[in-house]
Amino acid sequence: MKELVEFRAEILKALGQPTRLKIIDFLRDGERCVCEIFPAIGEEQSNTSRHLNMMQSAGVLSRRKDGLKIYYAIKRPEILEVIDIVTGIVKQDIYGRHSLLKAA
């Protein structure tokens, strides 16, 4: 059985890629069909599907099929909290660098 550290690494790996972050941001408002996701994030359908499958396998997204359409949603709201924390850290870092440059 996988250790907890490996499961955590899988989730963080699933979040640690720009295309995947665009997908997460697009899914903030709820479930969406693949047919809506790939044009919204500006990626090819095949590439988007690969990322969606990877995030679903890691437990970040849930998936359901309705006829020919496949819908994805963020599996747990805590995923958005993690992204928001990282965003806050990045903004603070950028602000700190900007302040240092102005003082120089």
PDB file of N, CA and C in Angstrom:
ATOM      1  N   MET A   1       0.837  -1.197   0.000  1.00  0.00           N
ATOM      2  CA  MET A   1       0.000   0.000   0.000  1.00  0.00           C
ATOM      3  C   MET A   1       0.877   1.254   0.000  1.00  0.00           C
ATOM      4  N   LYS A   2       0.441   2.235  -0.736  1.00  0.00           N
ATOM      5  CA  LYS A   2       1.200   3.477  -0.822  1.00  0.00           C
ATOM      6  C   LYS A   2       1.220   4.182   0.527  1.00  0.00           C
ATOM      7  N   GLU A   3       2.318   4.839   0.769  1.00  0.00           N
ATOM      8  CA  GLU A   3       2.432   5.620   1.975  1.00  0.00           C
ATOM      9  C   GLU A   3       1.764   6.976   1.778  1.00  0.00           C
ATOM     10  N   LEU A   4       1.404   7.594   2.882  1.00  0.00           N
ATOM     11  CA  LEU A   4       0.754   8.899   2.849  1.00  0.00           C
ATOM     12  C   LEU A   4       1.576   9.919   2.074  1.00  0.00           C
ATOM     13  N   VAL A   5       2.864   9.897   2.235  1.00  0.00           N
ATOM     14  CA  VAL A   5       3.724  10.859   1.544  1.00  0.00           C
ATOM     15  C   VAL A   5       3.618  10.706   0.030  1.00  0.00           C
ATOM     16  N   GLU A   6       3.447   9.504  -0.468  1.00  0.00           N
ATOM     17  CA  GLU A   6       3.304   9.276  -1.902  1.00  0.00           C
ATOM     18  C   GLU A   6       1.977   9.810  -2.424  1.00  0.00           C
ATOM     19  N   PHE A   7       0.903   9.626  -1.650  1.00  0.00           N
ATOM     20  CA  PHE A   7      -0.398  10.165  -2.050  1.00  0.00           C
ATOM     21  C   PHE A   7      -0.359  11.691  -2.090  1.00  0.00           C
ATOM     22  N   ARG A   8       0.289  12.293  -1.095  1.00  0.00           N
ATOM     23  CA  ARG A   8       0.405  13.752  -1.078  1.00  0.00           C
ATOM     24  C   ARG A   8       1.194  14.231  -2.287  1.00  0.00           C
ATOM     25  N   ALA A   9       2.272  13.531  -2.605  1.00  0.00           N
ATOM     26  CA  ALA A   9       3.091  13.909  -3.760  1.00  0.00           C
ATOM     27  C   ALA A   9       2.291  13.818  -5.057  1.00  0.00           C
ATOM     28  N   GLU A  10       1.431  12.813  -5.187  1.00  0.00           N
ATOM     29  CA  GLU A  10       0.601  12.672  -6.393  1.00  0.00           C
ATOM     30  C   GLU A  10      -0.335  13.858  -6.556  1.00  0.00           C
ATOM     31  N   ILE A  11      -0.955  14.274  -5.454  1.00  0.00           N
ATOM     32  CA  ILE A  11      -1.878  15.413  -5.521  1.00  0.00           C
ATOM     33  C   ILE A  11      -1.126  16.684  -5.886  1.00  0.00           C
ATOM     34  N   LEU A  12       0.001  16.918  -5.228  1.00  0.00           N
ATOM     35  CA  LEU A  12       0.772  18.129  -5.524  1.00  0.00           C
ATOM     36  C   LEU A  12       1.310  18.108  -6.953  1.00  0.00           C
ATOM     37  N   LYS A  13       1.707  16.950  -7.430  1.00  0.00           N
ATOM     38  CA  LYS A  13       2.167  16.818  -8.814  1.00  0.00           C
ATOM     39  C   LYS A  13       1.020  17.137  -9.777  1.00  0.00           C
ATOM     40  N   ALA A  14      -0.175  16.686  -9.435  1.00  0.00           N
ATOM     41  CA  ALA A  14      -1.341  16.941 -10.281  1.00  0.00           C
ATOM     42  C   ALA A  14      -1.686  18.426 -10.349  1.00  0.00           C
ATOM     43  N   LEU A  15      -1.306  19.173  -9.333  1.00  0.00           N
ATOM     44  CA  LEU A  15      -1.592  20.606  -9.304  1.00  0.00           C
ATOM     45  C   LEU A  15      -0.435  21.438  -9.849  1.00  0.00           C
ATOM     46  N   GLY A  16       0.741  20.850  -9.961  1.00  0.00           N
ATOM     47  CA  GLY A  16       1.949  21.605 -10.241  1.00  0.00           C
ATOM     48  C   GLY A  16       2.304  21.749 -11.707  1.00  0.00           C
ATOM     49  N   GLN A  17       1.348  22.130 -12.528  1.00  0.00           N
ATOM     50  CA  GLN A  17       1.614  22.282 -13.959  1.00  0.00           C
ATOM     51  C   GLN A  17       0.674  23.375 -14.478  1.00  0.00           C
ATOM     52  N   PRO A  18       1.153  24.321 -15.291  1.00  0.00           N
ATOM     53  CA  PRO A  18       0.319  25.453 -15.714  1.00  0.00           C
ATOM     54  C   PRO A  18      -1.025  25.088 -16.364  1.00  0.00           C
ATOM     55  N   THR A  19      -1.034  24.112 -17.257  1.00  0.00           N
ATOM     56  CA  THR A  19      -2.310  23.732 -17.890  1.00  0.00           C
ATOM     57  C   THR A  19      -3.288  23.215 -16.852  1.00  0.00           C
ATOM     58  N   ARG A  20      -2.803  22.439 -15.910  1.00  0.00           N
ATOM     59  CA  ARG A  20      -3.679  21.897 -14.863  1.00  0.00           C
ATOM     60  C   ARG A  20      -4.212  23.000 -13.961  1.00  0.00           C
ATOM     61  N   LEU A  21      -3.394  24.003 -13.689  1.00  0.00           N
ATOM     62  CA  LEU A  21      -3.869  25.128 -12.889  1.00  0.00           C
ATOM     63  C   LEU A  21      -4.945  25.914 -13.632  1.00  0.00           C
ATOM     64  N   LYS A  22      -4.801  26.040 -14.956  1.00  0.00           N
ATOM     65  CA  LYS A  22      -5.843  26.701 -15.750  1.00  0.00           C
ATOM     66  C   LYS A  22      -7.153  25.912 -15.664  1.00  0.00           C
ATOM     67  N   ILE A  23      -7.049  24.603 -15.707  1.00  0.00           N
ATOM     68  CA  ILE A  23      -8.239  23.755 -15.600  1.00  0.00           C
ATOM     69  C   ILE A  23      -8.901  23.947 -14.243  1.00  0.00           C
ATOM     70  N   ILE A  24      -8.116  23.910 -13.179  1.00  0.00           N
ATOM     71  CA  ILE A  24      -8.661  24.101 -11.824  1.00  0.00           C
ATOM     72  C   ILE A  24      -9.364  25.449 -11.734  1.00  0.00           C
ATOM     73  N   ASP A  25      -8.719  26.504 -12.225  1.00  0.00           N
ATOM     74  CA  ASP A  25      -9.339  27.830 -12.188  1.00  0.00           C
ATOM     75  C   ASP A  25     -10.656  27.841 -12.956  1.00  0.00           C
ATOM     76  N   PHE A  26     -10.697  27.171 -14.102  1.00  0.00           N
ATOM     77  CA  PHE A  26     -11.927  27.139 -14.900  1.00  0.00           C
ATOM     78  C   PHE A  26     -13.038  26.361 -14.191  1.00  0.00           C
ATOM     79  N   LEU A  27     -12.657  25.361 -13.415  1.00  0.00           N
ATOM     80  CA  LEU A  27     -13.653  24.527 -12.722  1.00  0.00           C
ATOM     81  C   LEU A  27     -14.089  25.109 -11.376  1.00  0.00           C
ATOM     82  N   ARG A  28     -13.589  26.268 -11.005  1.00  0.00           N
ATOM     83  CA  ARG A  28     -13.959  26.888  -9.727  1.00  0.00           C
ATOM     84  C   ARG A  28     -15.469  27.063  -9.584  1.00  0.00           C
ATOM     85  N   ASP A  29     -16.129  27.378 -10.684  1.00  0.00           N
ATOM     86  CA  ASP A  29     -17.568  27.644 -10.638  1.00  0.00           C
ATOM     87  C   ASP A  29     -18.427  26.399 -10.768  1.00  0.00           C
ATOM     88  N   GLY A  30     -17.789  25.235 -10.842  1.00  0.00           N
ATOM     89  CA  GLY A  30     -18.560  24.003 -10.888  1.00  0.00           C
ATOM     90  C   GLY A  30     -18.200  23.109 -12.057  1.00  0.00           C
ATOM     91  N   GLU A  31     -18.959  22.044 -12.154  1.00  0.00           N
ATOM     92  CA  GLU A  31     -18.740  20.994 -13.144  1.00  0.00           C
ATOM     93  C   GLU A  31     -18.831  21.538 -14.566  1.00  0.00           C
ATOM     94  N   ARG A  32     -17.939  21.039 -15.419  1.00  0.00           N
ATOM     95  CA  ARG A  32     -17.941  21.442 -16.826  1.00  0.00           C
ATOM     96  C   ARG A  32     -17.636  20.253 -17.719  1.00  0.00           C
ATOM     97  N   CYS A  33     -18.167  20.311 -18.916  1.00  0.00           N
ATOM     98  CA  CYS A  33     -17.909  19.300 -19.940  1.00  0.00           C
ATOM     99  C   CYS A  33     -16.531  19.545 -20.547  1.00  0.00           C
ATOM    100  N   VAL A  34     -15.882  18.461 -20.960  1.00  0.00           N
ATOM    101  CA  VAL A  34     -14.589  18.582 -21.651  1.00  0.00           C
ATOM    102  C   VAL A  34     -14.726  19.525 -22.844  1.00  0.00           C
ATOM    103  N   CYS A  35     -15.870  19.463 -23.513  1.00  0.00           N
ATOM    104  CA  CYS A  35     -16.096  20.304 -24.691  1.00  0.00           C
ATOM    105  C   CYS A  35     -16.076  21.793 -24.348  1.00  0.00           C
ATOM    106  N   GLU A  36     -16.278  22.151 -23.094  1.00  0.00           N
ATOM    107  CA  GLU A  36     -16.189  23.542 -22.651  1.00  0.00           C
ATOM    108  C   GLU A  36     -14.793  23.876 -22.130  1.00  0.00           C
ATOM    109  N   ILE A  37     -14.135  22.887 -21.548  1.00  0.00           N
ATOM    110  CA  ILE A  37     -12.864  23.135 -20.862  1.00  0.00           C
ATOM    111  C   ILE A  37     -11.747  23.477 -21.842  1.00  0.00           C
ATOM    112  N   PHE A  38     -11.530  22.632 -22.858  1.00  0.00           N
ATOM    113  CA  PHE A  38     -10.356  22.849 -23.706  1.00  0.00           C
ATOM    114  C   PHE A  38     -10.386  24.175 -24.461  1.00  0.00           C
ATOM    115  N   PRO A  39     -11.541  24.639 -24.983  1.00  0.00           N
ATOM    116  CA  PRO A  39     -11.499  25.952 -25.639  1.00  0.00           C
ATOM    117  C   PRO A  39     -11.272  27.092 -24.634  1.00  0.00           C
ATOM    118  N   ALA A  40     -11.811  26.943 -23.434  1.00  0.00           N
ATOM    119  CA  ALA A  40     -11.694  28.002 -22.427  1.00  0.00           C
ATOM    120  C   ALA A  40     -10.256  28.199 -21.961  1.00  0.00           C
ATOM    121  N   ILE A  41      -9.478  27.132 -21.932  1.00  0.00           N
ATOM    122  CA  ILE A  41      -8.095  27.254 -21.462  1.00  0.00           C
ATOM    123  C   ILE A  41      -7.096  27.383 -22.605  1.00  0.00           C
ATOM    124  N   GLY A  42      -7.589  27.294 -23.850  1.00  0.00           N
ATOM    125  CA  GLY A  42      -6.732  27.493 -25.008  1.00  0.00           C
ATOM    126  C   GLY A  42      -5.770  26.353 -25.290  1.00  0.00           C
ATOM    127  N   GLU A  43      -6.207  25.138 -25.033  1.00  0.00           N
ATOM    128  CA  GLU A  43      -5.368  23.960 -25.275  1.00  0.00           C
ATOM    129  C   GLU A  43      -6.092  23.007 -26.230  1.00  0.00           C
ATOM    130  N   GLU A  44      -5.340  22.102 -26.821  1.00  0.00           N
ATOM    131  CA  GLU A  44      -5.927  21.071 -27.678  1.00  0.00           C
ATOM    132  C   GLU A  44      -6.744  20.096 -26.834  1.00  0.00           C
ATOM    133  N   GLN A  45      -7.778  19.511 -27.441  1.00  0.00           N
ATOM    134  CA  GLN A  45      -8.629  18.578 -26.703  1.00  0.00           C
ATOM    135  C   GLN A  45      -7.848  17.383 -26.176  1.00  0.00           C
ATOM    136  N   SER A  46      -6.968  16.820 -26.998  1.00  0.00           N
ATOM    137  CA  SER A  46      -6.226  15.627 -26.570  1.00  0.00           C
ATOM    138  C   SER A  46      -5.313  15.933 -25.386  1.00  0.00           C
ATOM    139  N   ASN A  47      -4.654  17.083 -25.432  1.00  0.00           N
ATOM    140  CA  ASN A  47      -3.780  17.493 -24.342  1.00  0.00           C
ATOM    141  C   ASN A  47      -4.592  17.755 -23.074  1.00  0.00           C
ATOM    142  N   THR A  48      -5.715  18.422 -23.222  1.00  0.00           N
ATOM    143  CA  THR A  48      -6.593  18.713 -22.081  1.00  0.00           C
ATOM    144  C   THR A  48      -7.103  17.421 -21.466  1.00  0.00           C
ATOM    145  N   SER A  49      -7.526  16.483 -22.292  1.00  0.00           N
ATOM    146  CA  SER A  49      -8.030  15.207 -21.786  1.00  0.00           C
ATOM    147  C   SER A  49      -6.967  14.437 -21.009  1.00  0.00           C
ATOM    148  N   ARG A  50      -5.738  14.506 -21.488  1.00  0.00           N
ATOM    149  CA  ARG A  50      -4.635  13.840 -20.789  1.00  0.00           C
ATOM    150  C   ARG A  50      -4.454  14.430 -19.381  1.00  0.00           C
ATOM    151  N   HIS A  51      -4.486  15.751 -19.290  1.00  0.00           N
ATOM    152  CA  HIS A  51      -4.347  16.410 -17.991  1.00  0.00           C
ATOM    153  C   HIS A  51      -5.542  16.117 -17.080  1.00  0.00           C
ATOM    154  N   LEU A  52      -6.742  16.126 -17.654  1.00  0.00           N
ATOM    155  CA  LEU A  52      -7.936  15.826 -16.869  1.00  0.00           C
ATOM    156  C   LEU A  52      -7.871  14.407 -16.299  1.00  0.00           C
ATOM    157  N   ASN A  53      -7.459  13.452 -17.125  1.00  0.00           N
ATOM    158  CA  ASN A  53      -7.351  12.062 -16.667  1.00  0.00           C
ATOM    159  C   ASN A  53      -6.324  11.923 -15.558  1.00  0.00           C
ATOM    160  N   MET A  54      -5.208  12.620 -15.704  1.00  0.00           N
ATOM    161  CA  MET A  54      -4.166  12.550 -14.685  1.00  0.00           C
ATOM    162  C   MET A  54      -4.671  13.104 -13.356  1.00  0.00           C
ATOM    163  N   MET A  55      -5.381  14.243 -13.403  1.00  0.00           N
ATOM    164  CA  MET A  55      -5.896  14.852 -12.170  1.00  0.00           C
ATOM    165  C   MET A  55      -7.011  14.004 -11.550  1.00  0.00           C
ATOM    166  N   GLN A  56      -7.787  13.355 -12.391  1.00  0.00           N
ATOM    167  CA  GLN A  56      -8.833  12.470 -11.874  1.00  0.00           C
ATOM    168  C   GLN A  56      -8.199  11.257 -11.196  1.00  0.00           C
ATOM    169  N   SER A  57      -7.169  10.710 -11.792  1.00  0.00           N
ATOM    170  CA  SER A  57      -6.471   9.556 -11.210  1.00  0.00           C
ATOM    171  C   SER A  57      -5.819   9.904  -9.870  1.00  0.00           C
ATOM    172  N   ALA A  58      -5.359  11.140  -9.747  1.00  0.00           N
ATOM    173  CA  ALA A  58      -4.711  11.584  -8.510  1.00  0.00           C
ATOM    174  C   ALA A  58      -5.723  11.950  -7.425  1.00  0.00           C
ATOM    175  N   GLY A  59      -7.009  11.978  -7.771  1.00  0.00           N
ATOM    176  CA  GLY A  59      -8.032  12.296  -6.784  1.00  0.00           C
ATOM    177  C   GLY A  59      -8.364  13.763  -6.667  1.00  0.00           C
ATOM    178  N   VAL A  60      -7.880  14.562  -7.611  1.00  0.00           N
ATOM    179  CA  VAL A  60      -8.139  15.998  -7.583  1.00  0.00           C
ATOM    180  C   VAL A  60      -9.497  16.319  -8.205  1.00  0.00           C
ATOM    181  N   LEU A  61      -9.852  15.602  -9.262  1.00  0.00           N
ATOM    182  CA  LEU A  61     -11.116  15.830  -9.968  1.00  0.00           C
ATOM    183  C   LEU A  61     -12.014  14.607  -9.904  1.00  0.00           C
ATOM    184  N   SER A  62     -13.314  14.868 -10.000  1.00  0.00           N
ATOM    185  CA  SER A  62     -14.269  13.777 -10.181  1.00  0.00           C
ATOM    186  C   SER A  62     -14.737  13.840 -11.636  1.00  0.00           C
ATOM    187  N   ARG A  63     -15.225  12.708 -12.126  1.00  0.00           N
ATOM    188  CA  ARG A  63     -15.647  12.618 -13.523  1.00  0.00           C
ATOM    189  C   ARG A  63     -16.966  11.866 -13.584  1.00  0.00           C
ATOM    190  N   ARG A  64     -17.845  12.329 -14.471  1.00  0.00           N
ATOM    191  CA  ARG A  64     -19.075  11.586 -14.737  1.00  0.00           C
ATOM    192  C   ARG A  64     -19.391  11.694 -16.217  1.00  0.00           C
ATOM    193  N   LYS A  65     -20.056  10.667 -16.704  1.00  0.00           N
ATOM    194  CA  LYS A  65     -20.417  10.614 -18.120  1.00  0.00           C
ATOM    195  C   LYS A  65     -21.926  10.775 -18.241  1.00  0.00           C
ATOM    196  N   ASP A  66     -22.327  11.594 -19.205  1.00  0.00           N
ATOM    197  CA  ASP A  66     -23.741  11.788 -19.496  1.00  0.00           C
ATOM    198  C   ASP A  66     -23.893  11.662 -21.005  1.00  0.00           C
ATOM    199  N   GLY A  67     -24.311  10.477 -21.459  1.00  0.00           N
ATOM    200  CA  GLY A  67     -24.368  10.216 -22.894  1.00  0.00           C
ATOM    201  C   GLY A  67     -22.957  10.198 -23.458  1.00  0.00           C
ATOM    202  N   LEU A  68     -22.706  11.038 -24.443  1.00  0.00           N
ATOM    203  CA  LEU A  68     -21.383  11.108 -25.051  1.00  0.00           C
ATOM    204  C   LEU A  68     -20.480  12.137 -24.370  1.00  0.00           C
ATOM    205  N   LYS A  69     -21.054  12.940 -23.494  1.00  0.00           N
ATOM    206  CA  LYS A  69     -20.280  14.003 -22.840  1.00  0.00           C
ATOM    207  C   LYS A  69     -19.683  13.524 -21.521  1.00  0.00           C
ATOM    208  N   ILE A  70     -18.462  14.003 -21.255  1.00  0.00           N
ATOM    209  CA  ILE A  70     -17.787  13.701 -19.998  1.00  0.00           C
ATOM    210  C   ILE A  70     -17.623  15.007 -19.244  1.00  0.00           C
ATOM    211  N   TYR A  71     -18.044  14.990 -17.985  1.00  0.00           N
ATOM    212  CA  TYR A  71     -18.005  16.168 -17.139  1.00  0.00           C
ATOM    213  C   TYR A  71     -16.985  15.975 -16.018  1.00  0.00           C
ATOM    214  N   TYR A  72     -16.275  17.058 -15.709  1.00  0.00           N
ATOM    215  CA  TYR A  72     -15.299  17.050 -14.626  1.00  0.00           C
ATOM    216  C   TYR A  72     -15.654  18.135 -13.620  1.00  0.00           C
ATOM    217  N   ALA A  73     -15.300  17.863 -12.368  1.00  0.00           N
ATOM    218  CA  ALA A  73     -15.495  18.838 -11.292  1.00  0.00           C
ATOM    219  C   ALA A  73     -14.368  18.653 -10.286  1.00  0.00           C
ATOM    220  N   ILE A  74     -14.125  19.688  -9.521  1.00  0.00           N
ATOM    221  CA  ILE A  74     -13.145  19.590  -8.443  1.00  0.00           C
ATOM    222  C   ILE A  74     -13.739  18.679  -7.377  1.00  0.00           C
ATOM    223  N   LYS A  75     -12.993  17.661  -7.012  1.00  0.00           N
ATOM    224  CA  LYS A  75     -13.509  16.625  -6.122  1.00  0.00           C
ATOM    225  C   LYS A  75     -13.732  17.129  -4.695  1.00  0.00           C
ATOM    226  N   ARG A  76     -12.826  17.952  -4.208  1.00  0.00           N
ATOM    227  CA  ARG A  76     -12.926  18.467  -2.841  1.00  0.00           C
ATOM    228  C   ARG A  76     -12.635  19.966  -2.838  1.00  0.00           C
ATOM    229  N   PRO A  77     -13.425  20.746  -2.116  1.00  0.00           N
ATOM    230  CA  PRO A  77     -13.192  22.199  -2.090  1.00  0.00           C
ATOM    231  C   PRO A  77     -11.842  22.587  -1.490  1.00  0.00           C
ATOM    232  N   GLU A  78     -11.252  21.698  -0.717  1.00  0.00           N
ATOM    233  CA  GLU A  78      -9.940  21.988  -0.125  1.00  0.00           C
ATOM    234  C   GLU A  78      -8.863  22.198  -1.190  1.00  0.00           C
ATOM    235  N   ILE A  79      -9.067  21.618  -2.369  1.00  0.00           N
ATOM    236  CA  ILE A  79      -8.122  21.807  -3.475  1.00  0.00           C
ATOM    237  C   ILE A  79      -8.017  23.299  -3.807  1.00  0.00           C
ATOM    238  N   LEU A  80      -9.167  23.966  -3.823  1.00  0.00           N
ATOM    239  CA  LEU A  80      -9.163  25.402  -4.107  1.00  0.00           C
ATOM    240  C   LEU A  80      -8.476  26.181  -2.998  1.00  0.00           C
ATOM    241  N   GLU A  81      -8.619  25.723  -1.759  1.00  0.00           N
ATOM    242  CA  GLU A  81      -7.934  26.379  -0.644  1.00  0.00           C
ATOM    243  C   GLU A  81      -6.420  26.290  -0.820  1.00  0.00           C
ATOM    244  N   VAL A  82      -5.939  25.116  -1.242  1.00  0.00           N
ATOM    245  CA  VAL A  82      -4.500  24.940  -1.476  1.00  0.00           C
ATOM    246  C   VAL A  82      -4.031  25.913  -2.558  1.00  0.00           C
ATOM    247  N   ILE A  83      -4.764  25.987  -3.649  1.00  0.00           N
ATOM    248  CA  ILE A  83      -4.409  26.888  -4.749  1.00  0.00           C
ATOM    249  C   ILE A  83      -4.434  28.337  -4.274  1.00  0.00           C
ATOM    250  N   ASP A  84      -5.437  28.704  -3.490  1.00  0.00           N
ATOM    251  CA  ASP A  84      -5.538  30.076  -2.989  1.00  0.00           C
ATOM    252  C   ASP A  84      -4.393  30.420  -2.039  1.00  0.00           C
ATOM    253  N   ILE A  85      -3.962  29.468  -1.231  1.00  0.00           N
ATOM    254  CA  ILE A  85      -2.822  29.700  -0.339  1.00  0.00           C
ATOM    255  C   ILE A  85      -1.559  29.946  -1.164  1.00  0.00           C
ATOM    256  N   VAL A  86      -1.338  29.115  -2.176  1.00  0.00           N
ATOM    257  CA  VAL A  86      -0.164  29.286  -3.039  1.00  0.00           C
ATOM    258  C   VAL A  86      -0.228  30.636  -3.759  1.00  0.00           C
ATOM    259  N   THR A  87      -1.410  31.008  -4.227  1.00  0.00           N
ATOM    260  CA  THR A  87      -1.579  32.303  -4.896  1.00  0.00           C
ATOM    261  C   THR A  87      -1.214  33.438  -3.947  1.00  0.00           C
ATOM    262  N   GLY A  88      -1.646  33.351  -2.699  1.00  0.00           N
ATOM    263  CA  GLY A  88      -1.311  34.370  -1.705  1.00  0.00           C
ATOM    264  C   GLY A  88       0.184  34.462  -1.464  1.00  0.00           C
ATOM    265  N   ILE A  89       0.840  33.318  -1.395  1.00  0.00           N
ATOM    266  CA  ILE A  89       2.293  33.294  -1.198  1.00  0.00           C
ATOM    267  C   ILE A  89       2.990  33.975  -2.380  1.00  0.00           C
ATOM    268  N   VAL A  90       2.564  33.648  -3.591  1.00  0.00           N
ATOM    269  CA  VAL A  90       3.165  34.227  -4.794  1.00  0.00           C
ATOM    270  C   VAL A  90       2.957  35.743  -4.812  1.00  0.00           C
ATOM    271  N   LYS A  91       1.756  36.194  -4.489  1.00  0.00           N
ATOM    272  CA  LYS A  91       1.472  37.634  -4.480  1.00  0.00           C
ATOM    273  C   LYS A  91       2.333  38.352  -3.449  1.00  0.00           C
ATOM    274  N   GLN A  92       2.477  37.760  -2.272  1.00  0.00           N
ATOM    275  CA  GLN A  92       3.328  38.369  -1.241  1.00  0.00           C
ATOM    276  C   GLN A  92       4.775  38.450  -1.710  1.00  0.00           C
ATOM    277  N   ASP A  93       5.251  37.405  -2.353  1.00  0.00           N
ATOM    278  CA  ASP A  93       6.621  37.384  -2.852  1.00  0.00           C
ATOM    279  C   ASP A  93       6.817  38.454  -3.922  1.00  0.00           C
ATOM    280  N   ILE A  94       5.868  38.560  -4.841  1.00  0.00           N
ATOM    281  CA  ILE A  94       5.953  39.580  -5.895  1.00  0.00           C
ATOM    282  C   ILE A  94       5.926  40.969  -5.274  1.00  0.00           C
ATOM    283  N   TYR A  95       5.049  41.193  -4.316  1.00  0.00           N
ATOM    284  CA  TYR A  95       4.958  42.496  -3.652  1.00  0.00           C
ATOM    285  C   TYR A  95       6.268  42.814  -2.940  1.00  0.00           C
ATOM    286  N   GLY A  96       6.857  41.824  -2.269  1.00  0.00           N
ATOM    287  CA  GLY A  96       8.119  42.015  -1.573  1.00  0.00           C
ATOM    288  C   GLY A  96       9.238  42.376  -2.531  1.00  0.00           C
ATOM    289  N   ARG A  97       9.300  41.701  -3.653  1.00  0.00           N
ATOM    290  CA  ARG A  97      10.333  42.004  -4.657  1.00  0.00           C
ATOM    291  C   ARG A  97      10.136  43.382  -5.240  1.00  0.00           C
ATOM    292  N   HIS A  98       8.865  43.726  -5.501  1.00  0.00           N
ATOM    293  CA  HIS A  98       8.548  45.042  -6.055  1.00  0.00           C
ATOM    294  C   HIS A  98       8.968  46.138  -5.064  1.00  0.00           C
ATOM    295  N   SER A  99       8.682  45.923  -3.789  1.00  0.00           N
ATOM    296  CA  SER A  99       9.072  46.892  -2.753  1.00  0.00           C
ATOM    297  C   SER A  99      10.572  47.051  -2.671  1.00  0.00           C
ATOM    298  N   LEU A 100      11.303  45.948  -2.799  1.00  0.00           N
ATOM    299  CA  LEU A 100      12.769  46.013  -2.759  1.00  0.00           C
ATOM    300  C   LEU A 100      13.317  46.794  -3.947  1.00  0.00           C
ATOM    301  N   LEU A 101      12.722  46.568  -5.114  1.00  0.00           N
ATOM    302  CA  LEU A 101      13.183  47.273  -6.313  1.00  0.00           C
ATOM    303  C   LEU A 101      12.920  48.778  -6.209  1.00  0.00           C
ATOM    304  N   LYS A 102      11.783  49.145  -5.643  1.00  0.00           N
ATOM    305  CA  LYS A 102      11.460  50.566  -5.488  1.00  0.00           C
ATOM    306  C   LYS A 102      12.401  51.244  -4.509  1.00  0.00           C
ATOM    307  N   ALA A 103      12.834  50.490  -3.477  1.00  0.00           N
ATOM    308  CA  ALA A 103      13.718  51.051  -2.457  1.00  0.00           C
ATOM    309  C   ALA A 103      15.153  51.184  -2.957  1.00  0.00           C
ATOM    310  N   ALA A 104      15.498  50.444  -3.987  1.00  0.00           N
ATOM    311  CA  ALA A 104      16.891  50.460  -4.493  1.00  0.00           C
ATOM    312  C   ALA A 104      17.206  51.677  -5.301  1.00  0.00           C
TER     313      ALA A 104
END
